Protein backbone atom coordinates (compact mmCIF):
# COMPACT_ATOMS: atom_id res chain seq x y z
CA MET A 1 12.71 2.01 10.35
CA ARG A 2 9.09 1.24 9.57
CA ILE A 3 6.28 2.92 7.70
CA THR A 4 3.39 3.89 9.93
CA PRO A 5 -0.09 2.58 9.14
CA GLU A 6 -0.99 6.10 8.00
CA GLY A 7 2.01 6.20 5.68
CA ASP A 8 1.16 2.79 4.30
CA ALA A 9 -2.43 3.89 3.63
CA LEU A 10 -1.19 7.04 1.90
CA ALA A 11 1.19 5.02 -0.29
CA GLU A 12 -1.64 2.65 -1.27
CA LYS A 13 -3.91 5.59 -2.11
CA ARG A 14 -1.24 7.25 -4.24
CA CYS A 15 -0.42 4.01 -6.06
CA ALA A 16 -4.10 3.44 -6.84
CA ALA A 17 -4.50 7.00 -8.13
CA GLN A 18 -1.44 6.68 -10.37
CA SER A 19 -2.70 3.36 -11.71
CA GLU A 20 -6.10 4.90 -12.48
CA VAL A 21 -4.49 7.78 -14.38
CA ALA A 22 -2.28 5.39 -16.36
CA ASP A 23 -5.33 3.28 -17.25
CA ARG A 24 -7.19 6.38 -18.43
CA ILE A 25 -4.26 7.52 -20.55
CA LEU A 26 -3.77 4.12 -22.16
CA SER A 27 -7.50 3.50 -22.67
CA THR A 28 -7.29 5.17 -26.07
CA LEU A 29 -4.87 2.49 -27.31
CA THR A 30 -5.74 -0.93 -28.64
CA PRO A 31 -4.25 -3.98 -26.90
CA GLU A 32 -1.83 -4.31 -29.81
CA GLU A 33 -0.74 -0.68 -29.44
CA VAL A 34 -0.22 -1.15 -25.70
CA GLU A 35 1.97 -4.19 -26.42
CA SER A 36 3.99 -2.20 -28.98
CA LEU A 37 4.38 0.63 -26.48
CA ASN A 38 5.60 -1.83 -23.84
CA VAL A 39 8.15 -3.35 -26.24
CA LEU A 40 9.45 0.07 -27.30
CA THR A 41 9.60 1.30 -23.71
CA GLU A 42 11.65 -1.74 -22.69
CA LYS A 43 14.08 -1.12 -25.57
CA ILE A 44 14.50 2.49 -24.47
CA ILE A 45 15.03 1.46 -20.84
CA HIS A 46 17.68 -1.09 -21.83
CA GLN A 47 19.47 1.46 -24.01
CA CYS A 48 19.46 3.99 -21.17
CA LYS A 49 20.92 1.41 -18.80
CA ASP A 50 23.59 0.49 -21.37
CA MET A 51 24.49 4.18 -21.59
CA GLY A 52 24.74 4.46 -17.81
CA VAL A 53 21.66 6.62 -17.46
CA ARG A 54 20.20 6.36 -14.00
CA GLY A 55 16.53 6.92 -13.32
CA GLU A 56 16.99 9.37 -10.48
CA ARG A 57 14.93 12.53 -10.45
CA LYS A 58 16.09 15.87 -9.22
CA HIS A 59 13.89 17.91 -6.96
CA GLY A 60 11.53 20.24 -8.74
CA ARG A 61 11.33 20.35 -12.50
CA HIS A 62 13.29 17.87 -14.59
CA HIS A 63 15.46 20.74 -15.76
CA ARG A 64 15.20 24.46 -15.81
CA HIS A 65 13.45 26.28 -18.60
CA GLY A 66 14.16 29.85 -19.39
CA LYS A 67 11.47 32.26 -20.37
CA GLY A 68 9.68 31.04 -23.46
CA ARG A 69 11.77 27.87 -23.85
CA SER A 70 10.48 24.33 -23.74
CA CYS A 71 11.89 20.81 -23.99
CA ARG A 72 11.02 20.57 -27.65
CA LYS A 73 13.24 22.05 -30.30
């Protein structure tokens, strides 16, 4: 199976857009804060892997919210 040239172009466009958004989000942080964020993120990723958490997403929302409920407690 191969990706068509159109599919490849779409993937490139999406990757560039995601990268631009990430850059905009992180632009408020200093280089030191970005480094700290990277270190903390790596620690969290390693802990998740140690716990057997897999990074698969379900279709749709990450989980269902009832009326008036959110992720935060």
